[in-house]
Amino acid sequence: MTQPQLQDLLEAGVHFGHQTRRWNPKMRRFIFAERSGIYLIDLQKTLRQLQAAQDLLRNVVMQGENVLFVCTKRQLNQIVKAEAERCGAHWVAERWLGGTLTNFHTIKRQIRRLRELEQGQDEGTFEFLTKKERLHLERERVKLNRNLEGIKNMARLPGAVFVVDAKKERITIAEANKLGIPVVAIVDTNADPDLITVPIPGNDDAIRSVSLITAAIVDIVAEARKQVPVRDVASEAEAYSTYSTEREEADEEESRRRRRPRRKRRPKPEAIAARLKGEGEAAGAAAPEEAPAEDRAKSKSKARRGAAKDTADSTEEQAGSQSTAAGDDQA
């Protein structure tokens, strides 16, 4: 392993920062001077921080953990991807899926789905499907592989995370800090170094600068991995499946325990009307049909008129009988 020297950093342009109007005041301690509206980074401090980052990652790898390399910049992601594969580390180069660390069990389900699709393609089971179904599954496989290709063999959370651009990958850093995972990052003059466990001040836009720093990190990781016993592939796969199953069962049990009882939903007015209508129809089928209210009122008024007429007729008859009796008495 060749440790980069001050002249190497100077030739790679590691000392060039951003414009003075785009700086973060917390990077003041890593800035050497200002020239033509651009901040210059102190390369002596860059070397010191690079050495500290190498020591941290060496200890992580010696403990049997792995390192996750993250760089989603289009002009740099292929460089970081190639370097990560050189030391056998995991990497994310296309897009950081939110929750990759904090919601790792969900990412495991997607990885399992990707493995199923790849296995089906290798075994030729897709040949028995229709053309439309094969096309749909192929699109799903390509999408999952694009986002999960570098972490599909990651059986558990990484022991450390290496980030190229601390400002662009702020979600990655936030998730790692939430879980207590140490972060090593290349920090330019526009980023916040307080969020990083070991910040490496340097130019995070130039290809030569990123290549030099990443190569120095990868060399120390590869050297440390040679001193760690190689894990059995079968045991690693078993740990992968066991971890996924146990984690999912634990999460489901935890979600059931914490799930709040749902409030009983109030039925909609349309549902209430339909239910009442159904109950009314059922009651009408069971009991004799009642006359409408208007018909009942008419029958009552007709009965009252009939009673009044009968009363008047009886009164006239009584009056007629009384007049007849009076005439007989006079005679």
C-alpha atoms as a PDB file:
ATOM      1  CA  MET A   1       0.000   0.000   0.000  1.00  0.00           C
ATOM      2  CA  THR A   2       1.353   3.400  -1.009  1.00  0.00           C
ATOM      3  CA  GLN A   3       0.321   6.210   1.326  1.00  0.00           C
ATOM      4  CA  PRO A   4      -0.406   9.442  -0.597  1.00  0.00           C
ATOM      5  CA  GLN A   5       1.946  12.284   0.145  1.00  0.00           C
ATOM      6  CA  LEU A   6       1.450  16.027   0.213  1.00  0.00           C
ATOM      7  CA  GLN A   7       2.708  16.401  -3.353  1.00  0.00           C
ATOM      8  CA  ASP A   8       0.259  13.754  -4.572  1.00  0.00           C
ATOM      9  CA  LEU A   9      -2.646  15.613  -3.002  1.00  0.00           C
ATOM     10  CA  LEU A  10      -1.460  18.880  -4.496  1.00  0.00           C
ATOM     11  CA  GLU A  11      -1.176  17.432  -8.011  1.00  0.00           C
ATOM     12  CA  ALA A  12      -4.633  15.841  -7.753  1.00  0.00           C
ATOM     13  CA  GLY A  13      -6.217  19.177  -6.836  1.00  0.00           C
ATOM     14  CA  VAL A  14      -7.468  18.042  -3.443  1.00  0.00           C
ATOM     15  CA  HIS A  15      -6.867  21.527  -2.018  1.00  0.00           C
ATOM     16  CA  PHE A  16      -9.417  23.299  -4.241  1.00  0.00           C
ATOM     17  CA  GLY A  17     -12.619  24.122  -2.398  1.00  0.00           C
ATOM     18  CA  HIS A  18     -15.824  25.888  -3.408  1.00  0.00           C
ATOM     19  CA  GLN A  19     -16.445  29.566  -3.943  1.00  0.00           C
ATOM     20  CA  THR A  20     -16.307  31.746  -0.857  1.00  0.00           C
ATOM     21  CA  ARG A  21     -20.026  32.565  -1.071  1.00  0.00           C
ATOM     22  CA  ARG A  22     -20.899  28.844  -0.921  1.00  0.00           C
ATOM     23  CA  TRP A  23     -18.923  27.890   2.156  1.00  0.00           C
ATOM     24  CA  ASN A  24     -19.961  26.438   5.496  1.00  0.00           C
ATOM     25  CA  PRO A  25     -18.480  28.342   8.460  1.00  0.00           C
ATOM     26  CA  LYS A  26     -17.916  25.066  10.313  1.00  0.00           C
ATOM     27  CA  MET A  27     -15.223  24.222   7.745  1.00  0.00           C
ATOM     28  CA  ARG A  28     -13.147  27.200   8.853  1.00  0.00           C
ATOM     29  CA  ARG A  29     -10.684  25.013  10.760  1.00  0.00           C
ATOM     30  CA  PHE A  30      -9.790  23.084   7.586  1.00  0.00           C
ATOM     31  CA  ILE A  31      -9.328  26.130   5.308  1.00  0.00           C
ATOM     32  CA  PHE A  32      -5.807  27.361   4.610  1.00  0.00           C
ATOM     33  CA  ALA A  33      -6.440  30.524   2.570  1.00  0.00           C
ATOM     34  CA  GLU A  34      -8.636  32.211  -0.020  1.00  0.00           C
ATOM     35  CA  ARG A  35      -7.493  32.848  -3.591  1.00  0.00           C
ATOM     36  CA  SER A  36      -9.534  34.458  -6.390  1.00  0.00           C
ATOM     37  CA  GLY A  37     -12.825  33.868  -4.611  1.00  0.00           C
ATOM     38  CA  ILE A  38     -12.085  30.178  -3.908  1.00  0.00           C
ATOM     39  CA  TYR A  39     -11.139  28.632  -0.592  1.00  0.00           C
ATOM     40  CA  LEU A  40      -7.994  26.504  -0.407  1.00  0.00           C
ATOM     41  CA  ILE A  41      -7.974  23.506   1.932  1.00  0.00           C
ATOM     42  CA  ASP A  42      -5.097  22.821   4.313  1.00  0.00           C
ATOM     43  CA  LEU A  43      -3.560  19.616   2.929  1.00  0.00           C
ATOM     44  CA  GLN A  44      -1.632  18.939   6.133  1.00  0.00           C
ATOM     45  CA  LYS A  45      -4.953  18.506   7.918  1.00  0.00           C
ATOM     46  CA  THR A  46      -6.228  16.433   5.002  1.00  0.00           C
ATOM     47  CA  LEU A  47      -3.360  13.979   5.452  1.00  0.00           C
ATOM     48  CA  ARG A  48      -3.956  13.847   9.196  1.00  0.00           C
ATOM     49  CA  GLN A  49      -7.688  13.174   8.764  1.00  0.00           C
ATOM     50  CA  LEU A  50      -7.008  10.572   6.058  1.00  0.00           C
ATOM     51  CA  GLN A  51      -4.742   8.695   8.450  1.00  0.00           C
ATOM     52  CA  ALA A  52      -7.426   8.813  11.156  1.00  0.00           C
ATOM     53  CA  ALA A  53     -10.018   7.487   8.693  1.00  0.00           C
ATOM     54  CA  GLN A  54      -7.725   4.627   7.695  1.00  0.00           C
ATOM     55  CA  ASP A  55      -7.190   3.667  11.325  1.00  0.00           C
ATOM     56  CA  LEU A  56     -10.935   3.676  11.974  1.00  0.00           C
ATOM     57  CA  LEU A  57     -11.778   1.540   8.951  1.00  0.00           C
ATOM     58  CA  ARG A  58      -8.947  -0.882   9.691  1.00  0.00           C
ATOM     59  CA  ASN A  59     -10.371  -1.495  13.165  1.00  0.00           C
ATOM     60  CA  VAL A  60     -13.869  -1.963  11.728  1.00  0.00           C
ATOM     61  CA  VAL A  61     -12.708  -4.541   9.197  1.00  0.00           C
ATOM     62  CA  MET A  62     -10.540  -6.346  11.751  1.00  0.00           C
ATOM     63  CA  GLN A  63     -13.673  -6.837  13.869  1.00  0.00           C
ATOM     64  CA  GLY A  64     -15.254  -8.768  11.001  1.00  0.00           C
ATOM     65  CA  GLU A  65     -17.497  -5.957   9.803  1.00  0.00           C
ATOM     66  CA  ASN A  66     -17.802  -4.579   6.287  1.00  0.00           C
ATOM     67  CA  VAL A  67     -17.681  -1.087   4.812  1.00  0.00           C
ATOM     68  CA  LEU A  68     -20.372   0.454   2.634  1.00  0.00           C
ATOM     69  CA  PHE A  69     -19.181   2.863  -0.093  1.00  0.00           C
ATOM     70  CA  VAL A  70     -21.723   5.469  -1.203  1.00  0.00           C
ATOM     71  CA  CYS A  71     -21.367   7.807  -4.192  1.00  0.00           C
ATOM     72  CA  THR A  72     -24.312   8.746  -6.424  1.00  0.00           C
ATOM     73  CA  LYS A  73     -22.550  11.430  -8.476  1.00  0.00           C
ATOM     74  CA  ARG A  74     -22.696  10.460 -12.124  1.00  0.00           C
ATOM     75  CA  GLN A  75     -19.150  11.529 -12.926  1.00  0.00           C
ATOM     76  CA  LEU A  76     -17.708   9.649  -9.942  1.00  0.00           C
ATOM     77  CA  ASN A  77     -19.963   6.684  -9.154  1.00  0.00           C
ATOM     78  CA  GLN A  78     -18.226   4.259 -11.519  1.00  0.00           C
ATOM     79  CA  ILE A  79     -14.855   5.039  -9.942  1.00  0.00           C
ATOM     80  CA  VAL A  80     -16.133   4.379  -6.436  1.00  0.00           C
ATOM     81  CA  LYS A  81     -17.953   1.243  -7.629  1.00  0.00           C
ATOM     82  CA  ALA A  82     -14.774  -0.200  -9.156  1.00  0.00           C
ATOM     83  CA  GLU A  83     -12.713   0.584  -6.048  1.00  0.00           C
ATOM     84  CA  ALA A  84     -15.316  -0.954  -3.723  1.00  0.00           C
ATOM     85  CA  GLU A  85     -15.416  -4.148  -5.787  1.00  0.00           C
ATOM     86  CA  ARG A  86     -11.628  -4.283  -5.658  1.00  0.00           C
ATOM     87  CA  CYS A  87     -11.688  -4.710  -1.880  1.00  0.00           C
ATOM     88  CA  GLY A  88     -14.881  -6.795  -1.767  1.00  0.00           C
ATOM     89  CA  ALA A  89     -16.977  -4.118  -0.065  1.00  0.00           C
ATOM     90  CA  HIS A  90     -20.608  -3.198  -0.618  1.00  0.00           C
ATOM     91  CA  TRP A  91     -21.497  -0.087  -2.585  1.00  0.00           C
ATOM     92  CA  VAL A  92     -24.351   2.181  -3.674  1.00  0.00           C
ATOM     93  CA  ALA A  93     -23.699   4.053  -6.913  1.00  0.00           C
ATOM     94  CA  GLU A  94     -27.040   4.765  -8.581  1.00  0.00           C
ATOM     95  CA  ARG A  95     -29.586   5.932  -6.045  1.00  0.00           C
ATOM     96  CA  TRP A  96     -29.794   5.863  -2.290  1.00  0.00           C
ATOM     97  CA  LEU A  97     -33.090   4.291  -1.286  1.00  0.00           C
ATOM     98  CA  GLY A  98     -34.474   6.041   1.763  1.00  0.00           C
ATOM     99  CA  GLY A  99     -34.394   3.662   4.714  1.00  0.00           C
ATOM    100  CA  THR A 100     -31.585   1.475   3.389  1.00  0.00           C
ATOM    101  CA  LEU A 101     -30.085   1.507   6.881  1.00  0.00           C
ATOM    102  CA  THR A 102     -32.929   2.529   9.188  1.00  0.00           C
ATOM    103  CA  ASN A 103     -35.485   0.291   7.431  1.00  0.00           C
ATOM    104  CA  PHE A 104     -33.104  -2.507   6.568  1.00  0.00           C
ATOM    105  CA  HIS A 105     -35.608  -5.367   6.950  1.00  0.00           C
ATOM    106  CA  THR A 106     -37.741  -3.855   4.160  1.00  0.00           C
ATOM    107  CA  ILE A 107     -34.680  -3.621   1.932  1.00  0.00           C
ATOM    108  CA  LYS A 108     -34.110  -7.304   2.717  1.00  0.00           C
ATOM    109  CA  ARG A 109     -37.493  -8.140   1.228  1.00  0.00           C
ATOM    110  CA  GLN A 110     -36.592  -6.355  -1.990  1.00  0.00           C
ATOM    111  CA  ILE A 111     -33.253  -8.168  -2.093  1.00  0.00           C
ATOM    112  CA  ARG A 112     -35.053 -11.480  -1.626  1.00  0.00           C
ATOM    113  CA  ARG A 113     -37.409 -10.565  -4.466  1.00  0.00           C
ATOM    114  CA  LEU A 114     -34.409  -9.761  -6.683  1.00  0.00           C
ATOM    115  CA  ARG A 115     -32.859 -13.136  -5.869  1.00  0.00           C
ATOM    116  CA  GLU A 116     -36.111 -14.901  -6.764  1.00  0.00           C
ATOM    117  CA  LEU A 117     -36.269 -13.138 -10.131  1.00  0.00           C
ATOM    118  CA  GLU A 118     -32.636 -13.931 -10.900  1.00  0.00           C
ATOM    119  CA  GLN A 119     -33.143 -17.561  -9.917  1.00  0.00           C
ATOM    120  CA  GLY A 120     -36.239 -17.830 -12.092  1.00  0.00           C
ATOM    121  CA  GLN A 121     -34.358 -16.357 -15.027  1.00  0.00           C
ATOM    122  CA  ASP A 122     -31.418 -18.737 -14.571  1.00  0.00           C
ATOM    123  CA  GLU A 123     -33.617 -21.816 -14.218  1.00  0.00           C
ATOM    124  CA  GLY A 124     -35.766 -20.891 -17.212  1.00  0.00           C
ATOM    125  CA  THR A 125     -39.095 -20.813 -15.373  1.00  0.00           C
ATOM    126  CA  PHE A 126     -40.027 -17.577 -17.151  1.00  0.00           C
ATOM    127  CA  GLU A 127     -40.285 -19.450 -20.457  1.00  0.00           C
ATOM    128  CA  PHE A 128     -43.650 -20.891 -19.430  1.00  0.00           C
ATOM    129  CA  LEU A 129     -45.139 -17.426 -18.928  1.00  0.00           C
ATOM    130  CA  THR A 130     -46.724 -15.178 -21.495  1.00  0.00           C
ATOM    131  CA  LYS A 131     -44.703 -12.537 -23.282  1.00  0.00           C
ATOM    132  CA  LYS A 132     -46.357  -9.745 -21.308  1.00  0.00           C
ATOM    133  CA  GLU A 133     -45.653 -11.434 -17.974  1.00  0.00           C
ATOM    134  CA  ARG A 134     -42.011 -12.052 -18.909  1.00  0.00           C
ATOM    135  CA  LEU A 135     -41.604  -8.413 -19.922  1.00  0.00           C
ATOM    136  CA  HIS A 136     -43.117  -7.228 -16.641  1.00  0.00           C
ATOM    137  CA  LEU A 137     -40.833  -9.464 -14.558  1.00  0.00           C
ATOM    138  CA  GLU A 138     -37.768  -8.436 -16.566  1.00  0.00           C
ATOM    139  CA  ARG A 139     -38.495  -4.766 -15.986  1.00  0.00           C
ATOM    140  CA  GLU A 140     -38.914  -5.423 -12.274  1.00  0.00           C
ATOM    141  CA  ARG A 141     -35.623  -7.317 -12.161  1.00  0.00           C
ATOM    142  CA  VAL A 142     -33.724  -4.571 -13.993  1.00  0.00           C
ATOM    143  CA  LYS A 143     -35.093  -1.895 -11.667  1.00  0.00           C
ATOM    144  CA  LEU A 144     -34.272  -3.820  -8.506  1.00  0.00           C
ATOM    145  CA  ASN A 145     -30.826  -4.750  -9.794  1.00  0.00           C
ATOM    146  CA  ARG A 146     -30.046  -1.133 -10.632  1.00  0.00           C
ATOM    147  CA  ASN A 147     -30.764   0.008  -7.072  1.00  0.00           C
ATOM    148  CA  LEU A 148     -29.642  -3.055  -5.100  1.00  0.00           C
ATOM    149  CA  GLU A 149     -26.792  -4.532  -7.129  1.00  0.00           C
ATOM    150  CA  GLY A 150     -24.090  -3.382  -4.735  1.00  0.00           C
ATOM    151  CA  ILE A 151     -25.848  -4.450  -1.518  1.00  0.00           C
ATOM    152  CA  LYS A 152     -27.675  -7.646  -2.524  1.00  0.00           C
ATOM    153  CA  ASN A 153     -25.042  -9.707  -0.668  1.00  0.00           C
ATOM    154  CA  MET A 154     -25.084  -7.518   2.452  1.00  0.00           C
ATOM    155  CA  ALA A 155     -26.393  -9.842   5.176  1.00  0.00           C
ATOM    156  CA  ARG A 156     -26.427  -7.219   7.939  1.00  0.00           C
ATOM    157  CA  LEU A 157     -25.815  -3.545   8.539  1.00  0.00           C
ATOM    158  CA  PRO A 158     -22.304  -2.314   7.695  1.00  0.00           C
ATOM    159  CA  GLY A 159     -19.756  -1.521  10.338  1.00  0.00           C
ATOM    160  CA  ALA A 160     -18.883   1.818   8.710  1.00  0.00           C
ATOM    161  CA  VAL A 161     -19.948   3.991   5.783  1.00  0.00           C
ATOM    162  CA  PHE A 162     -17.645   5.836   3.386  1.00  0.00           C
ATOM    163  CA  VAL A 163     -19.268   8.774   1.582  1.00  0.00           C
ATOM    164  CA  VAL A 164     -17.765  10.838  -1.221  1.00  0.00           C
ATOM    165  CA  ASP A 165     -19.923  13.989  -1.051  1.00  0.00           C
ATOM    166  CA  ALA A 166     -21.136  14.748   2.463  1.00  0.00           C
ATOM    167  CA  LYS A 167     -23.644  17.363   1.322  1.00  0.00           C
ATOM    168  CA  LYS A 168     -25.210  15.336  -1.466  1.00  0.00           C
ATOM    169  CA  GLU A 169     -25.441  12.159   0.627  1.00  0.00           C
ATOM    170  CA  ARG A 170     -26.956  13.862   3.665  1.00  0.00           C
ATOM    171  CA  ILE A 171     -29.738  11.237   3.941  1.00  0.00           C
ATOM    172  CA  THR A 172     -27.162   8.458   4.132  1.00  0.00           C
ATOM    173  CA  ILE A 173     -25.271  10.304   6.847  1.00  0.00           C
ATOM    174  CA  ALA A 174     -28.459  10.992   8.807  1.00  0.00           C
ATOM    175  CA  GLU A 175     -29.445   7.311   8.763  1.00  0.00           C
ATOM    176  CA  ALA A 176     -25.964   6.199   9.812  1.00  0.00           C
ATOM    177  CA  ASN A 177     -25.875   8.719  12.666  1.00  0.00           C
ATOM    178  CA  LYS A 178     -29.297   7.562  13.834  1.00  0.00           C
ATOM    179  CA  LEU A 179     -28.047   3.974  14.085  1.00  0.00           C
ATOM    180  CA  GLY A 180     -24.652   4.897  15.536  1.00  0.00           C
ATOM    181  CA  ILE A 181     -22.697   3.711  12.479  1.00  0.00           C
ATOM    182  CA  PRO A 182     -19.387   5.609  12.048  1.00  0.00           C
ATOM    183  CA  VAL A 183     -19.154   7.716   8.898  1.00  0.00           C
ATOM    184  CA  VAL A 184     -16.039   8.616   6.922  1.00  0.00           C
ATOM    185  CA  ALA A 185     -16.606  11.216   4.214  1.00  0.00           C
ATOM    186  CA  ILE A 186     -14.814  13.527   1.821  1.00  0.00           C
ATOM    187  CA  VAL A 187     -15.949  16.953   3.004  1.00  0.00           C
ATOM    188  CA  ASP A 188     -15.694  20.027   0.803  1.00  0.00           C
ATOM    189  CA  THR A 189     -15.882  23.614   2.034  1.00  0.00           C
ATOM    190  CA  ASN A 190     -19.679  23.725   1.577  1.00  0.00           C
ATOM    191  CA  ALA A 191     -20.486  20.768   3.896  1.00  0.00           C
ATOM    192  CA  ASP A 192     -20.969  20.337   7.638  1.00  0.00           C
ATOM    193  CA  PRO A 193     -18.073  18.360   9.173  1.00  0.00           C
ATOM    194  CA  ASP A 194     -19.788  18.018  12.557  1.00  0.00           C
ATOM    195  CA  LEU A 195     -22.120  15.348  11.130  1.00  0.00           C
ATOM    196  CA  ILE A 196     -19.179  13.127  10.139  1.00  0.00           C
ATOM    197  CA  THR A 197     -17.284  10.822  12.473  1.00  0.00           C
ATOM    198  CA  VAL A 198     -13.998  11.349  10.598  1.00  0.00           C
ATOM    199  CA  PRO A 199     -14.236  14.104   7.950  1.00  0.00           C
ATOM    200  CA  ILE A 200     -11.576  14.177   5.236  1.00  0.00           C
ATOM    201  CA  PRO A 201     -11.355  17.765   3.921  1.00  0.00           C
ATOM    202  CA  GLY A 202     -10.840  17.761   0.185  1.00  0.00           C
ATOM    203  CA  ASN A 203     -12.211  18.396  -3.265  1.00  0.00           C
ATOM    204  CA  ASP A 204     -15.226  16.117  -3.780  1.00  0.00           C
ATOM    205  CA  ASP A 205     -15.860  17.137  -7.412  1.00  0.00           C
ATOM    206  CA  ALA A 206     -12.565  16.419  -9.199  1.00  0.00           C
ATOM    207  CA  ILE A 207     -12.085  12.893 -10.507  1.00  0.00           C
ATOM    208  CA  ARG A 208      -8.386  12.720  -9.610  1.00  0.00           C
ATOM    209  CA  SER A 209      -9.009  13.963  -6.087  1.00  0.00           C
ATOM    210  CA  VAL A 210     -11.774  11.449  -5.359  1.00  0.00           C
ATOM    211  CA  SER A 211      -9.832   8.630  -7.001  1.00  0.00           C
ATOM    212  CA  LEU A 212      -6.743   9.309  -4.888  1.00  0.00           C
ATOM    213  CA  ILE A 213      -8.568   9.449  -1.548  1.00  0.00           C
ATOM    214  CA  THR A 214     -10.852   6.495  -2.347  1.00  0.00           C
ATOM    215  CA  ALA A 215      -7.902   4.371  -3.453  1.00  0.00           C
ATOM    216  CA  ALA A 216      -6.115   5.099  -0.172  1.00  0.00           C
ATOM    217  CA  ILE A 217      -9.224   4.018   1.766  1.00  0.00           C
ATOM    218  CA  VAL A 218      -9.723   0.881  -0.337  1.00  0.00           C
ATOM    219  CA  ASP A 219      -6.081  -0.145   0.069  1.00  0.00           C
ATOM    220  CA  ILE A 220      -6.337  -0.135   3.850  1.00  0.00           C
ATOM    221  CA  VAL A 221      -9.658  -2.035   3.745  1.00  0.00           C
ATOM    222  CA  ALA A 222      -8.233  -4.679   1.398  1.00  0.00           C
ATOM    223  CA  GLU A 223      -5.122  -5.054   3.546  1.00  0.00           C
ATOM    224  CA  ALA A 224      -7.206  -5.504   6.690  1.00  0.00           C
ATOM    225  CA  ARG A 225      -9.497  -8.051   5.008  1.00  0.00           C
ATOM    226  CA  LYS A 226      -6.496 -10.257   4.230  1.00  0.00           C
ATOM    227  CA  GLN A 227      -5.799 -10.523   7.953  1.00  0.00           C
ATOM    228  CA  VAL A 228      -9.368 -11.544   8.811  1.00  0.00           C
ATOM    229  CA  PRO A 229     -10.427 -15.210   8.374  1.00  0.00           C
ATOM    230  CA  VAL A 230     -12.506 -15.684   5.248  1.00  0.00           C
ATOM    231  CA  ARG A 231     -16.131 -16.448   6.011  1.00  0.00           C
ATOM    232  CA  ASP A 232     -17.757 -19.512   4.582  1.00  0.00           C
ATOM    233  CA  VAL A 233     -20.134 -18.669   1.756  1.00  0.00           C
ATOM    234  CA  ALA A 234     -22.697 -21.216   2.952  1.00  0.00           C
ATOM    235  CA  SER A 235     -22.673 -19.860   6.496  1.00  0.00           C
ATOM    236  CA  GLU A 236     -22.978 -16.329   5.135  1.00  0.00           C
ATOM    237  CA  ALA A 237     -26.030 -17.321   3.076  1.00  0.00           C
ATOM    238  CA  GLU A 238     -27.529 -19.095   6.086  1.00  0.00           C
ATOM    239  CA  ALA A 239     -26.949 -16.031   8.216  1.00  0.00           C
ATOM    240  CA  TYR A 240     -28.583 -13.953   5.501  1.00  0.00           C
ATOM    241  CA  SER A 241     -31.775 -16.032   5.468  1.00  0.00           C
ATOM    242  CA  THR A 242     -31.848 -16.512   9.252  1.00  0.00           C
ATOM    243  CA  TYR A 243     -31.401 -12.818   9.897  1.00  0.00           C
ATOM    244  CA  SER A 244     -34.123 -11.892   7.446  1.00  0.00           C
ATOM    245  CA  THR A 245     -36.650 -14.377   8.864  1.00  0.00           C
ATOM    246  CA  GLU A 246     -35.983 -13.584  12.511  1.00  0.00           C
ATOM    247  CA  ARG A 247     -35.967  -9.858  11.846  1.00  0.00           C
ATOM    248  CA  GLU A 248     -39.257  -9.946   9.984  1.00  0.00           C
ATOM    249  CA  GLU A 249     -40.918 -12.047  12.691  1.00  0.00           C
ATOM    250  CA  ALA A 250     -39.669  -9.702  15.399  1.00  0.00           C
ATOM    251  CA  ASP A 251     -40.836  -6.640  13.484  1.00  0.00           C
ATOM    252  CA  GLU A 252     -44.265  -8.122  12.846  1.00  0.00           C
ATOM    253  CA  GLU A 253     -44.636  -9.014  16.530  1.00  0.00           C
ATOM    254  CA  GLU A 254     -43.530  -5.516  17.528  1.00  0.00           C
ATOM    255  CA  SER A 255     -45.957  -3.892  15.104  1.00  0.00           C
ATOM    256  CA  ARG A 256     -48.832  -6.018  16.410  1.00  0.00           C
ATOM    257  CA  ARG A 257     -47.945  -5.102  19.974  1.00  0.00           C
ATOM    258  CA  ARG A 258     -47.741  -1.389  19.274  1.00  0.00           C
ATOM    259  CA  ARG A 259     -50.706  -1.248  16.965  1.00  0.00           C
ATOM    260  CA  ARG A 260     -53.388   1.026  18.368  1.00  0.00           C
ATOM    261  CA  PRO A 261     -57.003  -0.116  18.351  1.00  0.00           C
ATOM    262  CA  ARG A 262     -58.802   1.464  15.483  1.00  0.00           C
ATOM    263  CA  ARG A 263     -61.761   3.675  16.175  1.00  0.00           C
ATOM    264  CA  LYS A 264     -65.040   2.393  14.908  1.00  0.00           C
ATOM    265  CA  ARG A 265     -65.786   4.236  11.725  1.00  0.00           C
ATOM    266  CA  ARG A 266     -69.033   6.109  11.502  1.00  0.00           C
ATOM    267  CA  PRO A 267     -71.106   4.791   8.612  1.00  0.00           C
ATOM    268  CA  LYS A 268     -71.794   7.127   5.743  1.00  0.00           C
ATOM    269  CA  PRO A 269     -75.303   8.598   5.346  1.00  0.00           C
ATOM    270  CA  GLU A 270     -75.816   6.550   2.185  1.00  0.00           C
ATOM    271  CA  ALA A 271     -74.988   3.369   4.068  1.00  0.00           C
ATOM    272  CA  ILE A 272     -77.355   4.300   6.896  1.00  0.00           C
ATOM    273  CA  ALA A 273     -80.189   5.010   4.450  1.00  0.00           C
ATOM    274  CA  ALA A 274     -79.602   1.743   2.614  1.00  0.00           C
ATOM    275  CA  ARG A 275     -79.553  -0.188   5.869  1.00  0.00           C
ATOM    276  CA  LEU A 276     -82.773   1.436   7.096  1.00  0.00           C
ATOM    277  CA  LYS A 277     -84.394   0.782   3.760  1.00  0.00           C
ATOM    278  CA  GLY A 278     -83.403  -2.860   3.955  1.00  0.00           C
ATOM    279  CA  GLU A 279     -84.751  -3.158   7.498  1.00  0.00           C
ATOM    280  CA  GLY A 280     -88.014  -1.495   6.419  1.00  0.00           C
ATOM    281  CA  GLU A 281     -88.428  -3.890   3.526  1.00  0.00           C
ATOM    282  CA  ALA A 282     -87.799  -6.837   5.816  1.00  0.00           C
ATOM    283  CA  ALA A 283     -90.338  -5.550   8.354  1.00  0.00           C
ATOM    284  CA  GLY A 284     -92.892  -4.965   5.597  1.00  0.00           C
ATOM    285  CA  ALA A 285     -92.471  -8.527   4.361  1.00  0.00           C
ATOM    286  CA  ALA A 286     -92.981  -9.902   7.886  1.00  0.00           C
ATOM    287  CA  ALA A 287     -95.975  -7.680   8.912  1.00  0.00           C
ATOM    288  CA  PRO A 288     -99.133  -6.685   6.962  1.00  0.00           C
ATOM    289  CA  GLU A 289     -98.696  -3.591   4.913  1.00  0.00           C
ATOM    290  CA  GLU A 290    -100.007  -0.454   6.592  1.00  0.00           C
ATOM    291  CA  ALA A 291    -101.980   2.164   4.741  1.00  0.00           C
ATOM    292  CA  PRO A 292    -100.233   5.391   3.963  1.00  0.00           C
ATOM    293  CA  ALA A 293    -100.623   8.246   6.439  1.00  0.00           C
ATOM    294  CA  GLU A 294    -102.704  10.306   3.977  1.00  0.00           C
ATOM    295  CA  ASP A 295    -105.176   7.445   3.465  1.00  0.00           C
ATOM    296  CA  ARG A 296    -105.441   6.944   7.197  1.00  0.00           C
ATOM    297  CA  ALA A 297    -106.221  10.635   7.694  1.00  0.00           C
ATOM    298  CA  LYS A 298    -108.912  10.541   4.987  1.00  0.00           C
ATOM    299  CA  SER A 299    -110.562   7.480   6.537  1.00  0.00           C
ATOM    300  CA  LYS A 300    -110.565   9.147   9.965  1.00  0.00           C
ATOM    301  CA  SER A 301    -112.164  12.338   8.608  1.00  0.00           C
ATOM    302  CA  LYS A 302    -114.753  10.262   6.716  1.00  0.00           C
ATOM    303  CA  ALA A 303    -115.606   8.370   9.887  1.00  0.00           C
ATOM    304  CA  ARG A 304    -115.990  11.635  11.787  1.00  0.00           C
ATOM    305  CA  ARG A 305    -118.314  13.018   9.079  1.00  0.00           C
ATOM    306  CA  GLY A 306    -120.393   9.809   9.196  1.00  0.00           C
ATOM    307  CA  ALA A 307    -120.697  10.027  12.962  1.00  0.00           C
ATOM    308  CA  ALA A 308    -121.754  13.680  12.759  1.00  0.00           C
ATOM    309  CA  LYS A 309    -124.394  12.830  10.144  1.00  0.00           C
ATOM    310  CA  ASP A 310    -125.771  10.007  12.287  1.00  0.00           C
ATOM    311  CA  THR A 311    -125.965  12.372  15.260  1.00  0.00           C
ATOM    312  CA  ALA A 312    -127.835  14.977  13.192  1.00  0.00           C
ATOM    313  CA  ASP A 313    -130.317  12.375  11.909  1.00  0.00           C
ATOM    314  CA  SER A 314    -131.030  11.123  15.399  1.00  0.00           C
ATOM    315  CA  THR A 315    -131.540  14.695  16.604  1.00  0.00           C
ATOM    316  CA  GLU A 316    -134.049  15.394  13.806  1.00  0.00           C
ATOM    317  CA  GLU A 317    -135.933  12.196  14.606  1.00  0.00           C
ATOM    318  CA  GLN A 318    -136.169  13.165  18.275  1.00  0.00           C
ATOM    319  CA  ALA A 319    -137.381  16.644  17.355  1.00  0.00           C
ATOM    320  CA  GLY A 320    -140.024  15.193  14.997  1.00  0.00           C
ATOM    321  CA  SER A 321    -141.306  12.760  17.608  1.00  0.00           C
ATOM    322  CA  GLN A 322    -141.546  15.546  20.198  1.00  0.00           C
ATOM    323  CA  SER A 323    -143.568  17.790  17.810  1.00  0.00           C
ATOM    324  CA  THR A 324    -145.947  14.905  17.024  1.00  0.00           C
ATOM    325  CA  ALA A 325    -146.498  14.244  20.695  1.00  0.00           C
ATOM    326  CA  ALA A 326    -147.235  17.944  21.338  1.00  0.00           C
ATOM    327  CA  GLY A 327    -149.866  18.000  18.551  1.00  0.00           C
ATOM    328  CA  ASP A 328    -151.616  14.998  20.009  1.00  0.00           C
ATOM    329  CA  ASP A 329    -151.782  16.652  23.421  1.00  0.00           C
ATOM    330  CA  GLN A 330    -153.399  19.806  21.970  1.00  0.00           C
ATOM    331  CA  ALA A 331    -155.983  17.753  20.183  1.00  0.00           C
END
